[in-house]
Amino acid sequence: AVLFAKTSKALTRLNEMIREGRISKTYW
């Protein structure tokens, strides 16, 4: 799984969530 943003607003908010550790990523 790879996450992409389709709008600049979504990208800004998702980048902030990445920096703050608010996107959970699980690997096998």
mmCIF file of all heavy atoms, coordinates in Angstrom:
data_MODEL
# 
_entry.id   MODEL 
# 
loop_
_atom_site.group_PDB 
_atom_site.id 
_atom_site.type_symbol 
_atom_site.label_atom_id 
_atom_site.label_alt_id 
_atom_site.label_comp_id 
_atom_site.label_asym_id 
_atom_site.label_entity_id 
_atom_site.label_seq_id 
_atom_site.pdbx_PDB_ins_code 
_atom_site.Cartn_x 
_atom_site.Cartn_y 
_atom_site.Cartn_z 
_atom_site.occupancy 
_atom_site.B_iso_or_equiv 
_atom_site.pdbx_formal_charge 
_atom_site.auth_seq_id 
_atom_site.auth_comp_id 
_atom_site.auth_asym_id 
_atom_site.auth_atom_id 
_atom_site.pdbx_PDB_model_num 
ATOM 1   N N   . ALA A 1 1  ? 0.813   -1.216  0.000  1.00 0.00 ? 1  ALA A N   1 
ATOM 2   C CA  . ALA A 1 1  ? 0.000   0.000   0.000  1.00 0.00 ? 1  ALA A CA  1 
ATOM 3   C C   . ALA A 1 1  ? 0.850   1.271   0.000  1.00 0.00 ? 1  ALA A C   1 
ATOM 4   O O   . ALA A 1 1  ? 1.743   1.427   0.834  1.00 0.00 ? 1  ALA A O   1 
ATOM 5   C CB  . ALA A 1 1  ? -0.926  -0.003  1.211  1.00 0.00 ? 1  ALA A CB  1 
ATOM 6   N N   . VAL A 1 2  ? 0.532   2.164   -0.947 1.00 0.00 ? 2  VAL A N   1 
ATOM 7   C CA  . VAL A 1 2  ? 1.160   3.483   -1.029 1.00 0.00 ? 2  VAL A CA  1 
ATOM 8   C C   . VAL A 1 2  ? 0.044   4.526   -1.135 1.00 0.00 ? 2  VAL A C   1 
ATOM 9   O O   . VAL A 1 2  ? -0.894  4.365   -1.910 1.00 0.00 ? 2  VAL A O   1 
ATOM 10  C CB  . VAL A 1 2  ? 2.098   3.596   -2.246 1.00 0.00 ? 2  VAL A CB  1 
ATOM 11  C CG1 . VAL A 1 2  ? 2.750   4.978   -2.284 1.00 0.00 ? 2  VAL A CG1 1 
ATOM 12  C CG2 . VAL A 1 2  ? 3.165   2.514   -2.215 1.00 0.00 ? 2  VAL A CG2 1 
ATOM 13  N N   . LEU A 1 3  ? 0.181   5.596   -0.369 1.00 0.00 ? 3  LEU A N   1 
ATOM 14  C CA  . LEU A 1 3  ? -0.850  6.633   -0.283 1.00 0.00 ? 3  LEU A CA  1 
ATOM 15  C C   . LEU A 1 3  ? -0.470  7.842   -1.136 1.00 0.00 ? 3  LEU A C   1 
ATOM 16  O O   . LEU A 1 3  ? 0.646   8.357   -1.042 1.00 0.00 ? 3  LEU A O   1 
ATOM 17  C CB  . LEU A 1 3  ? -1.023  7.050   1.180  1.00 0.00 ? 3  LEU A CB  1 
ATOM 18  C CG  . LEU A 1 3  ? -1.963  8.205   1.526  1.00 0.00 ? 3  LEU A CG  1 
ATOM 19  C CD1 . LEU A 1 3  ? -3.388  7.922   1.051  1.00 0.00 ? 3  LEU A CD1 1 
ATOM 20  C CD2 . LEU A 1 3  ? -1.939  8.455   3.039  1.00 0.00 ? 3  LEU A CD2 1 
ATOM 21  N N   . PHE A 1 4  ? -1.423  8.297   -1.962 1.00 0.00 ? 4  PHE A N   1 
ATOM 22  C CA  . PHE A 1 4  ? -1.247  9.482   -2.804 1.00 0.00 ? 4  PHE A CA  1 
ATOM 23  C C   . PHE A 1 4  ? -2.366  10.479  -2.503 1.00 0.00 ? 4  PHE A C   1 
ATOM 24  O O   . PHE A 1 4  ? -3.493  10.077  -2.190 1.00 0.00 ? 4  PHE A O   1 
ATOM 25  C CB  . PHE A 1 4  ? -1.309  9.119   -4.291 1.00 0.00 ? 4  PHE A CB  1 
ATOM 26  C CG  . PHE A 1 4  ? -0.197  8.228   -4.767 1.00 0.00 ? 4  PHE A CG  1 
ATOM 27  C CD1 . PHE A 1 4  ? -0.339  6.843   -4.731 1.00 0.00 ? 4  PHE A CD1 1 
ATOM 28  C CD2 . PHE A 1 4  ? 0.976   8.765   -5.252 1.00 0.00 ? 4  PHE A CD2 1 
ATOM 29  C CE1 . PHE A 1 4  ? 0.672   6.012   -5.177 1.00 0.00 ? 4  PHE A CE1 1 
ATOM 30  C CE2 . PHE A 1 4  ? 2.000   7.944   -5.705 1.00 0.00 ? 4  PHE A CE2 1 
ATOM 31  C CZ  . PHE A 1 4  ? 1.849   6.564   -5.668 1.00 0.00 ? 4  PHE A CZ  1 
ATOM 32  N N   . ALA A 1 5  ? -2.046  11.774  -2.647 1.00 0.00 ? 5  ALA A N   1 
ATOM 33  C CA  . ALA A 1 5  ? -3.052  12.826  -2.514 1.00 0.00 ? 5  ALA A CA  1 
ATOM 34  C C   . ALA A 1 5  ? -3.434  13.327  -3.899 1.00 0.00 ? 5  ALA A C   1 
ATOM 35  O O   . ALA A 1 5  ? -2.582  13.526  -4.760 1.00 0.00 ? 5  ALA A O   1 
ATOM 36  C CB  . ALA A 1 5  ? -2.512  13.974  -1.667 1.00 0.00 ? 5  ALA A CB  1 
ATOM 37  N N   . LYS A 1 6  ? -4.727  13.561  -4.110 1.00 0.00 ? 6  LYS A N   1 
ATOM 38  C CA  . LYS A 1 6  ? -5.210  14.026  -5.412 1.00 0.00 ? 6  LYS A CA  1 
ATOM 39  C C   . LYS A 1 6  ? -5.479  15.521  -5.443 1.00 0.00 ? 6  LYS A C   1 
ATOM 40  O O   . LYS A 1 6  ? -5.791  16.074  -6.507 1.00 0.00 ? 6  LYS A O   1 
ATOM 41  C CB  . LYS A 1 6  ? -6.475  13.255  -5.796 1.00 0.00 ? 6  LYS A CB  1 
ATOM 42  C CG  . LYS A 1 6  ? -6.226  11.764  -6.047 1.00 0.00 ? 6  LYS A CG  1 
ATOM 43  C CD  . LYS A 1 6  ? -7.519  10.998  -6.282 1.00 0.00 ? 6  LYS A CD  1 
ATOM 44  C CE  . LYS A 1 6  ? -8.266  11.466  -7.503 1.00 0.00 ? 6  LYS A CE  1 
ATOM 45  N NZ  . LYS A 1 6  ? -9.525  10.703  -7.707 1.00 0.00 ? 6  LYS A NZ  1 
ATOM 46  N N   . THR A 1 7  ? -5.362  16.185  -4.287 1.00 0.00 ? 7  THR A N   1 
ATOM 47  C CA  . THR A 1 7  ? -5.501  17.640  -4.226 1.00 0.00 ? 7  THR A CA  1 
ATOM 48  C C   . THR A 1 7  ? -4.386  18.199  -3.350 1.00 0.00 ? 7  THR A C   1 
ATOM 49  O O   . THR A 1 7  ? -3.851  17.504  -2.472 1.00 0.00 ? 7  THR A O   1 
ATOM 50  C CB  . THR A 1 7  ? -6.856  18.072  -3.632 1.00 0.00 ? 7  THR A CB  1 
ATOM 51  O OG1 . THR A 1 7  ? -6.911  17.670  -2.246 1.00 0.00 ? 7  THR A OG1 1 
ATOM 52  C CG2 . THR A 1 7  ? -8.021  17.440  -4.378 1.00 0.00 ? 7  THR A CG2 1 
ATOM 53  N N   . SER A 1 8  ? -4.066  19.468  -3.560 1.00 0.00 ? 8  SER A N   1 
ATOM 54  C CA  . SER A 1 8  ? -3.012  20.096  -2.758 1.00 0.00 ? 8  SER A CA  1 
ATOM 55  C C   . SER A 1 8  ? -3.432  20.210  -1.291 1.00 0.00 ? 8  SER A C   1 
ATOM 56  O O   . SER A 1 8  ? -2.602  20.086  -0.387 1.00 0.00 ? 8  SER A O   1 
ATOM 57  C CB  . SER A 1 8  ? -2.666  21.467  -3.321 1.00 0.00 ? 8  SER A CB  1 
ATOM 58  O OG  . SER A 1 8  ? -3.804  22.309  -3.360 1.00 0.00 ? 8  SER A OG  1 
ATOM 59  N N   . LYS A 1 9  ? -4.718  20.441  -1.047 1.00 0.00 ? 9  LYS A N   1 
ATOM 60  C CA  . LYS A 1 9  ? -5.192  20.534  0.334  1.00 0.00 ? 9  LYS A CA  1 
ATOM 61  C C   . LYS A 1 9  ? -5.019  19.206  1.049  1.00 0.00 ? 9  LYS A C   1 
ATOM 62  O O   . LYS A 1 9  ? -4.540  19.157  2.196  1.00 0.00 ? 9  LYS A O   1 
ATOM 63  C CB  . LYS A 1 9  ? -6.666  20.953  0.367  1.00 0.00 ? 9  LYS A CB  1 
ATOM 64  C CG  . LYS A 1 9  ? -7.248  21.045  1.778  1.00 0.00 ? 9  LYS A CG  1 
ATOM 65  C CD  . LYS A 1 9  ? -8.625  21.691  1.792  1.00 0.00 ? 9  LYS A CD  1 
ATOM 66  C CE  . LYS A 1 9  ? -9.680  20.779  1.217  1.00 0.00 ? 9  LYS A CE  1 
ATOM 67  N NZ  . LYS A 1 9  ? -11.056 21.344  1.404  1.00 0.00 ? 9  LYS A NZ  1 
ATOM 68  N N   . ALA A 1 10 ? -5.378  18.119  0.396  1.00 0.00 ? 10 ALA A N   1 
ATOM 69  C CA  . ALA A 1 10 ? -5.207  16.800  1.003  1.00 0.00 ? 10 ALA A CA  1 
ATOM 70  C C   . ALA A 1 10 ? -3.734  16.498  1.238  1.00 0.00 ? 10 ALA A C   1 
ATOM 71  O O   . ALA A 1 10 ? -3.362  15.942  2.279  1.00 0.00 ? 10 ALA A O   1 
ATOM 72  C CB  . ALA A 1 10 ? -5.841  15.732  0.113  1.00 0.00 ? 10 ALA A CB  1 
ATOM 73  N N   . LEU A 1 11 ? -2.878  16.879  0.292  1.00 0.00 ? 11 LEU A N   1 
ATOM 74  C CA  . LEU A 1 11 ? -1.443  16.616  0.446  1.00 0.00 ? 11 LEU A CA  1 
ATOM 75  C C   . LEU A 1 11 ? -0.880  17.360  1.651  1.00 0.00 ? 11 LEU A C   1 
ATOM 76  O O   . LEU A 1 11 ? -0.114  16.782  2.446  1.00 0.00 ? 11 LEU A O   1 
ATOM 77  C CB  . LEU A 1 11 ? -0.697  17.032  -0.824 1.00 0.00 ? 11 LEU A CB  1 
ATOM 78  C CG  . LEU A 1 11 ? 0.819   16.802  -0.802 1.00 0.00 ? 11 LEU A CG  1 
ATOM 79  C CD1 . LEU A 1 11 ? 1.143   15.333  -0.627 1.00 0.00 ? 11 LEU A CD1 1 
ATOM 80  C CD2 . LEU A 1 11 ? 1.455   17.355  -2.075 1.00 0.00 ? 11 LEU A CD2 1 
ATOM 81  N N   . THR A 1 12 ? -1.253  18.615  1.811  1.00 0.00 ? 12 THR A N   1 
ATOM 82  C CA  . THR A 1 12 ? -0.766  19.396  2.951  1.00 0.00 ? 12 THR A CA  1 
ATOM 83  C C   . THR A 1 12 ? -1.175  18.755  4.272  1.00 0.00 ? 12 THR A C   1 
ATOM 84  O O   . THR A 1 12 ? -0.358  18.613  5.193  1.00 0.00 ? 12 THR A O   1 
ATOM 85  C CB  . THR A 1 12 ? -1.305  20.841  2.879  1.00 0.00 ? 12 THR A CB  1 
ATOM 86  O OG1 . THR A 1 12 ? -0.812  21.469  1.696  1.00 0.00 ? 12 THR A OG1 1 
ATOM 87  C CG2 . THR A 1 12 ? -0.876  21.646  4.089  1.00 0.00 ? 12 THR A CG2 1 
ATOM 88  N N   . ARG A 1 13 ? -2.416  18.348  4.357  1.00 0.00 ? 13 ARG A N   1 
ATOM 89  C CA  . ARG A 1 13 ? -2.905  17.759  5.610  1.00 0.00 ? 13 ARG A CA  1 
ATOM 90  C C   . ARG A 1 13 ? -2.303  16.381  5.860  1.00 0.00 ? 13 ARG A C   1 
ATOM 91  O O   . ARG A 1 13 ? -1.961  16.036  7.003  1.00 0.00 ? 13 ARG A O   1 
ATOM 92  C CB  . ARG A 1 13 ? -4.432  17.684  5.583  1.00 0.00 ? 13 ARG A CB  1 
ATOM 93  C CG  . ARG A 1 13 ? -5.093  19.056  5.599  1.00 0.00 ? 13 ARG A CG  1 
ATOM 94  C CD  . ARG A 1 13 ? -6.609  18.983  5.547  1.00 0.00 ? 13 ARG A CD  1 
ATOM 95  N NE  . ARG A 1 13 ? -7.204  20.311  5.578  1.00 0.00 ? 13 ARG A NE  1 
ATOM 96  C CZ  . ARG A 1 13 ? -8.509  20.559  5.499  1.00 0.00 ? 13 ARG A CZ  1 
ATOM 97  N NH1 . ARG A 1 13 ? -9.366  19.545  5.380  1.00 0.00 ? 13 ARG A NH1 1 
ATOM 98  N NH2 . ARG A 1 13 ? -8.960  21.790  5.532  1.00 0.00 ? 13 ARG A NH2 1 
ATOM 99  N N   . LEU A 1 14 ? -2.167  15.572  4.814  1.00 0.00 ? 14 LEU A N   1 
ATOM 100 C CA  . LEU A 1 14 ? -1.583  14.242  4.981  1.00 0.00 ? 14 LEU A CA  1 
ATOM 101 C C   . LEU A 1 14 ? -0.093  14.327  5.330  1.00 0.00 ? 14 LEU A C   1 
ATOM 102 O O   . LEU A 1 14 ? 0.404   13.538  6.143  1.00 0.00 ? 14 LEU A O   1 
ATOM 103 C CB  . LEU A 1 14 ? -1.795  13.410  3.716  1.00 0.00 ? 14 LEU A CB  1 
ATOM 104 C CG  . LEU A 1 14 ? -3.235  12.957  3.469  1.00 0.00 ? 14 LEU A CG  1 
ATOM 105 C CD1 . LEU A 1 14 ? -3.399  12.430  2.045  1.00 0.00 ? 14 LEU A CD1 1 
ATOM 106 C CD2 . LEU A 1 14 ? -3.665  11.893  4.476  1.00 0.00 ? 14 LEU A CD2 1 
ATOM 107 N N   . ASN A 1 15 ? 0.618   15.287  4.739  1.00 0.00 ? 15 ASN A N   1 
ATOM 108 C CA  . ASN A 1 15 ? 2.020   15.481  5.090  1.00 0.00 ? 15 ASN A CA  1 
ATOM 109 C C   . ASN A 1 15 ? 2.172   15.863  6.563  1.00 0.00 ? 15 ASN A C   1 
ATOM 110 O O   . ASN A 1 15 ? 3.104   15.408  7.237  1.00 0.00 ? 15 ASN A O   1 
ATOM 111 C CB  . ASN A 1 15 ? 2.652   16.564  4.205  1.00 0.00 ? 15 ASN A CB  1 
ATOM 112 C CG  . ASN A 1 15 ? 3.019   16.046  2.828  1.00 0.00 ? 15 ASN A CG  1 
ATOM 113 O OD1 . ASN A 1 15 ? 3.158   14.845  2.621  1.00 0.00 ? 15 ASN A OD1 1 
ATOM 114 N ND2 . ASN A 1 15 ? 3.188   16.954  1.883  1.00 0.00 ? 15 ASN A ND2 1 
ATOM 115 N N   . GLU A 1 16 ? 1.262   16.700  7.046  1.00 0.00 ? 16 GLU A N   1 
ATOM 116 C CA  . GLU A 1 16 ? 1.287   17.077  8.457  1.00 0.00 ? 16 GLU A CA  1 
ATOM 117 C C   . GLU A 1 16 ? 1.036   15.851  9.337  1.00 0.00 ? 16 GLU A C   1 
ATOM 118 O O   . GLU A 1 16 ? 1.684   15.661  10.371 1.00 0.00 ? 16 GLU A O   1 
ATOM 119 C CB  . GLU A 1 16 ? 0.234   18.150  8.727  1.00 0.00 ? 16 GLU A CB  1 
ATOM 120 C CG  . GLU A 1 16 ? 0.194   18.623  10.173 1.00 0.00 ? 16 GLU A CG  1 
ATOM 121 C CD  . GLU A 1 16 ? -0.858  19.693  10.407 1.00 0.00 ? 16 GLU A CD  1 
ATOM 122 O OE1 . GLU A 1 16 ? -1.556  20.069  9.436  1.00 0.00 ? 16 GLU A OE1 1 
ATOM 123 O OE2 . GLU A 1 16 ? -0.997  20.139  11.554 1.00 0.00 ? 16 GLU A OE2 1 
ATOM 124 N N   . MET A 1 17 ? 0.108   14.996  8.917  1.00 0.00 ? 17 MET A N   1 
ATOM 125 C CA  . MET A 1 17 ? -0.179  13.780  9.681  1.00 0.00 ? 17 MET A CA  1 
ATOM 126 C C   . MET A 1 17 ? 1.023   12.835  9.702  1.00 0.00 ? 17 MET A C   1 
ATOM 127 O O   . MET A 1 17 ? 1.310   12.196  10.711 1.00 0.00 ? 17 MET A O   1 
ATOM 128 C CB  . MET A 1 17 ? -1.414  13.095  9.089  1.00 0.00 ? 17 MET A CB  1 
ATOM 129 C CG  . MET A 1 17 ? -2.693  13.887  9.303  1.00 0.00 ? 17 MET A CG  1 
ATOM 130 S SD  . MET A 1 17 ? -4.052  13.392  8.195  1.00 0.00 ? 17 MET A SD  1 
ATOM 131 C CE  . MET A 1 17 ? -4.349  11.729  8.752  1.00 0.00 ? 17 MET A CE  1 
ATOM 132 N N   . ILE A 1 18 ? 1.741   12.764  8.577  1.00 0.00 ? 18 ILE A N   1 
ATOM 133 C CA  . ILE A 1 18 ? 2.957   11.948  8.531  1.00 0.00 ? 18 ILE A CA  1 
ATOM 134 C C   . ILE A 1 18 ? 3.980   12.473  9.531  1.00 0.00 ? 18 ILE A C   1 
ATOM 135 O O   . ILE A 1 18 ? 4.584   11.709  10.305 1.00 0.00 ? 18 ILE A O   1 
ATOM 136 C CB  . ILE A 1 18 ? 3.557   11.945  7.102  1.00 0.00 ? 18 ILE A CB  1 
ATOM 137 C CG1 . ILE A 1 18 ? 2.751   11.026  6.180  1.00 0.00 ? 18 ILE A CG1 1 
ATOM 138 C CG2 . ILE A 1 18 ? 5.021   11.519  7.123  1.00 0.00 ? 18 ILE A CG2 1 
ATOM 139 C CD1 . ILE A 1 18 ? 3.054   9.551   6.324  1.00 0.00 ? 18 ILE A CD1 1 
ATOM 140 N N   . ARG A 1 19 ? 4.196   13.780  9.529  1.00 0.00 ? 19 ARG A N   1 
ATOM 141 C CA  . ARG A 1 19 ? 5.176   14.381  10.443 1.00 0.00 ? 19 ARG A CA  1 
ATOM 142 C C   . ARG A 1 19 ? 4.809   14.141  11.898 1.00 0.00 ? 19 ARG A C   1 
ATOM 143 O O   . ARG A 1 19 ? 5.690   13.955  12.750 1.00 0.00 ? 19 ARG A O   1 
ATOM 144 C CB  . ARG A 1 19 ? 5.295   15.888  10.175 1.00 0.00 ? 19 ARG A CB  1 
ATOM 145 C CG  . ARG A 1 19 ? 6.015   16.247  8.889  1.00 0.00 ? 19 ARG A CG  1 
ATOM 146 C CD  . ARG A 1 19 ? 6.360   17.742  8.859  1.00 0.00 ? 19 ARG A CD  1 
ATOM 147 N NE  . ARG A 1 19 ? 5.170   18.574  8.903  1.00 0.00 ? 19 ARG A NE  1 
ATOM 148 C CZ  . ARG A 1 19 ? 4.506   18.989  7.832  1.00 0.00 ? 19 ARG A CZ  1 
ATOM 149 N NH1 . ARG A 1 19 ? 4.911   18.623  6.626  1.00 0.00 ? 19 ARG A NH1 1 
ATOM 150 N NH2 . ARG A 1 19 ? 3.443   19.763  7.954  1.00 0.00 ? 19 ARG A NH2 1 
ATOM 151 N N   . GLU A 1 20 ? 3.514   14.135  12.183 1.00 0.00 ? 20 GLU A N   1 
ATOM 152 C CA  . GLU A 1 20 ? 3.048   13.970  13.563 1.00 0.00 ? 20 GLU A CA  1 
ATOM 153 C C   . GLU A 1 20 ? 2.843   12.509  13.950 1.00 0.00 ? 20 GLU A C   1 
ATOM 154 O O   . GLU A 1 20 ? 2.415   12.214  15.068 1.00 0.00 ? 20 GLU A O   1 
ATOM 155 C CB  . GLU A 1 20 ? 1.751   14.756  13.763 1.00 0.00 ? 20 GLU A CB  1 
ATOM 156 C CG  . GLU A 1 20 ? 1.925   16.266  13.606 1.00 0.00 ? 20 GLU A CG  1 
ATOM 157 C CD  . GLU A 1 20 ? 0.611   17.026  13.682 1.00 0.00 ? 20 GLU A CD  1 
ATOM 158 O OE1 . GLU A 1 20 ? -0.460  16.360  13.681 1.00 0.00 ? 20 GLU A OE1 1 
ATOM 159 O OE2 . GLU A 1 20 ? 0.656   18.273  13.739 1.00 0.00 ? 20 GLU A OE2 1 
ATOM 160 N N   . GLY A 1 21 ? 3.115   11.602  13.030 1.00 0.00 ? 21 GLY A N   1 
ATOM 161 C CA  . GLY A 1 21 ? 2.973   10.180  13.329 1.00 0.00 ? 21 GLY A CA  1 
ATOM 162 C C   . GLY A 1 21 ? 1.534   9.721   13.432 1.00 0.00 ? 21 GLY A C   1 
ATOM 163 O O   . GLY A 1 21 ? 1.238   8.738   14.119 1.00 0.00 ? 21 GLY A O   1 
ATOM 164 N N   . ARG A 1 22 ? 0.623   10.381  12.707 1.00 0.00 ? 22 ARG A N   1 
ATOM 165 C CA  . ARG A 1 22 ? -0.796  10.051  12.804 1.00 0.00 ? 22 ARG A CA  1 
ATOM 166 C C   . ARG A 1 22 ? -1.293  9.183   11.654 1.00 0.00 ? 22 ARG A C   1 
ATOM 167 O O   . ARG A 1 22 ? -2.492  8.984   11.507 1.00 0.00 ? 22 ARG A O   1 
ATOM 168 C CB  . ARG A 1 22 ? -1.631  11.336  12.900 1.00 0.00 ? 22 ARG A CB  1 
ATOM 169 C CG  . ARG A 1 22 ? -1.390  12.099  14.199 1.00 0.00 ? 22 ARG A CG  1 
ATOM 170 C CD  . ARG A 1 22 ? -2.397  13.202  14.413 1.00 0.00 ? 22 ARG A CD  1 
ATOM 171 N NE  . ARG A 1 22 ? -2.196  14.324  13.508 1.00 0.00 ? 22 ARG A NE  1 
ATOM 172 C CZ  . ARG A 1 22 ? -3.124  14.788  12.672 1.00 0.00 ? 22 ARG A CZ  1 
ATOM 173 N NH1 . ARG A 1 22 ? -4.310  14.206  12.593 1.00 0.00 ? 22 ARG A NH1 1 
ATOM 174 N NH2 . ARG A 1 22 ? -2.864  15.832  11.902 1.00 0.00 ? 22 ARG A NH2 1 
ATOM 175 N N   . ILE A 1 23 ? -0.371  8.682   10.848 1.00 0.00 ? 23 ILE A N   1 
ATOM 176 C CA  . ILE A 1 23 ? -0.714  7.682   9.834  1.00 0.00 ? 23 ILE A CA  1 
ATOM 177 C C   . ILE A 1 23 ? -0.052  6.376   10.231 1.00 0.00 ? 23 ILE A C   1 
ATOM 178 O O   . ILE A 1 23 ? 1.170   6.279   10.313 1.00 0.00 ? 23 ILE A O   1 
ATOM 179 C CB  . ILE A 1 23 ? -0.267  8.120   8.425  1.00 0.00 ? 23 ILE A CB  1 
ATOM 180 C CG1 . ILE A 1 23 ? -1.024  9.387   8.011  1.00 0.00 ? 23 ILE A CG1 1 
ATOM 181 C CG2 . ILE A 1 23 ? -0.506  7.003   7.412  1.00 0.00 ? 23 ILE A CG2 1 
ATOM 182 C CD1 . ILE A 1 23 ? -0.692  9.887   6.616  1.00 0.00 ? 23 ILE A CD1 1 
ATOM 183 N N   . SER A 1 24 ? -0.875  5.390   10.526 1.00 0.00 ? 24 SER A N   1 
ATOM 184 C CA  . SER A 1 24 ? -0.370  4.104   10.990 1.00 0.00 ? 24 SER A CA  1 
ATOM 185 C C   . SER A 1 24 ? -0.019  3.222   9.795  1.00 0.00 ? 24 SER A C   1 
ATOM 186 O O   . SER A 1 24 ? -0.838  3.032   8.896  1.00 0.00 ? 24 SER A O   1 
ATOM 187 C CB  . SER A 1 24 ? -1.428  3.411   11.858 1.00 0.00 ? 24 SER A CB  1 
ATOM 188 O OG  . SER A 1 24 ? -1.000  2.116   12.232 1.00 0.00 ? 24 SER A OG  1 
ATOM 189 N N   . LYS A 1 25 ? 1.207   2.675   9.794  1.00 0.00 ? 25 LYS A N   1 
ATOM 190 C CA  . LYS A 1 25 ? 1.665   1.821   8.697  1.00 0.00 ? 25 LYS A CA  1 
ATOM 191 C C   . LYS A 1 25 ? 2.126   0.474   9.252  1.00 0.00 ? 25 LYS A C   1 
ATOM 192 O O   . LYS A 1 25 ? 3.003   0.423   10.104 1.00 0.00 ? 25 LYS A O   1 
ATOM 193 C CB  . LYS A 1 25 ? 2.805   2.504   7.935  1.00 0.00 ? 25 LYS A CB  1 
ATOM 194 C CG  . LYS A 1 25 ? 2.356   3.744   7.165  1.00 0.00 ? 25 LYS A CG  1 
ATOM 195 C CD  . LYS A 1 25 ? 3.509   4.412   6.438  1.00 0.00 ? 25 LYS A CD  1 
ATOM 196 C CE  . LYS A 1 25 ? 4.353   5.217   7.390  1.00 0.00 ? 25 LYS A CE  1 
ATOM 197 N NZ  . LYS A 1 25 ? 5.411   5.992   6.692  1.00 0.00 ? 25 LYS A NZ  1 
ATOM 198 N N   . THR A 1 26 ? 1.492   -0.579  8.752  1.00 0.00 ? 26 THR A N   1 
ATOM 199 C CA  . THR A 1 26 ? 1.819   -1.934  9.180  1.00 0.00 ? 26 THR A CA  1 
ATOM 200 C C   . THR A 1 26 ? 2.396   -2.707  8.002  1.00 0.00 ? 26 THR A C   1 
ATOM 201 O O   . THR A 1 26 ? 1.849   -2.665  6.898  1.00 0.00 ? 26 THR A O   1 
ATOM 202 C CB  . THR A 1 26 ? 0.565   -2.663  9.701  1.00 0.00 ? 26 THR A CB  1 
ATOM 203 O OG1 . THR A 1 26 ? 0.025   -1.925  10.813 1.00 0.00 ? 26 THR A OG1 1 
ATOM 204 C CG2 . THR A 1 26 ? 0.909   -4.077  10.160 1.00 0.00 ? 26 THR A CG2 1 
ATOM 205 N N   . TYR A 1 27 ? 3.490   -3.405  8.255  1.00 0.00 ? 27 TYR A N   1 
ATOM 206 C CA  . TYR A 1 27 ? 4.170   -4.188  7.222  1.00 0.00 ? 27 TYR A CA  1 
ATOM 207 C C   . TYR A 1 27 ? 4.188   -5.662  7.607  1.00 0.00 ? 27 TYR A C   1 
ATOM 208 O O   . TYR A 1 27 ? 4.189   -6.008  8.782  1.00 0.00 ? 27 TYR A O   1 
ATOM 209 C CB  . TYR A 1 27 ? 5.623   -3.722  7.060  1.00 0.00 ? 27 TYR A CB  1 
ATOM 210 C CG  . TYR A 1 27 ? 5.786   -2.396  6.369  1.00 0.00 ? 27 TYR A CG  1 
ATOM 211 C CD1 . TYR A 1 27 ? 5.509   -1.200  7.033  1.00 0.00 ? 27 TYR A CD1 1 
ATOM 212 C CD2 . TYR A 1 27 ? 6.233   -2.317  5.057  1.00 0.00 ? 27 TYR A CD2 1 
ATOM 213 C CE1 . TYR A 1 27 ? 5.665   0.024   6.406  1.00 0.00 ? 27 TYR A CE1 1 
ATOM 214 C CE2 . TYR A 1 27 ? 6.396   -1.098  4.409  1.00 0.00 ? 27 TYR A CE2 1 
ATOM 215 C CZ  . TYR A 1 27 ? 6.111   0.071   5.097  1.00 0.00 ? 27 TYR A CZ  1 
ATOM 216 O OH  . TYR A 1 27 ? 6.261   1.273   4.468  1.00 0.00 ? 27 TYR A OH  1 
ATOM 217 N N   . TRP A 1 28 ? 4.221   -6.504  6.587  1.00 0.00 ? 28 TRP A N   1 
ATOM 218 C CA  . TRP A 1 28 ? 4.508   -7.918  6.769  1.00 0.00 ? 28 TRP A CA  1 
ATOM 219 C C   . TRP A 1 28 ? 5.877   -8.216  6.182  1.00 0.00 ? 28 TRP A C   1 
ATOM 220 O O   . TRP A 1 28 ? 6.207   -7.757  5.080  1.00 0.00 ? 28 TRP A O   1 
ATOM 221 C CB  . TRP A 1 28 ? 3.461   -8.770  6.051  1.00 0.00 ? 28 TRP A CB  1 
ATOM 222 C CG  . TRP A 1 28 ? 2.196   -8.977  6.822  1.00 0.00 ? 28 TRP A CG  1 
ATOM 223 C CD1 . TRP A 1 28 ? 1.848   -8.434  8.026  1.00 0.00 ? 28 TRP A CD1 1 
ATOM 224 C CD2 . TRP A 1 28 ? 1.085   -9.793  6.432  1.00 0.00 ? 28 TRP A CD2 1 
ATOM 225 N NE1 . TRP A 1 28 ? 0.599   -8.842  8.416  1.00 0.00 ? 28 TRP A NE1 1 
ATOM 226 C CE2 . TRP A 1 28 ? 0.110   -9.689  7.446  1.00 0.00 ? 28 TRP A CE2 1 
ATOM 227 C CE3 . TRP A 1 28 ? 0.827   -10.592 5.320  1.00 0.00 ? 28 TRP A CE3 1 
ATOM 228 C CZ2 . TRP A 1 28 ? -1.111  -10.366 7.389  1.00 0.00 ? 28 TRP A CZ2 1 
ATOM 229 C CZ3 . TRP A 1 28 ? -0.384  -11.267 5.252  1.00 0.00 ? 28 TRP A CZ3 1 
ATOM 230 C CH2 . TRP A 1 28 ? -1.339  -11.158 6.275  1.00 0.00 ? 28 TRP A CH2 1 
# 
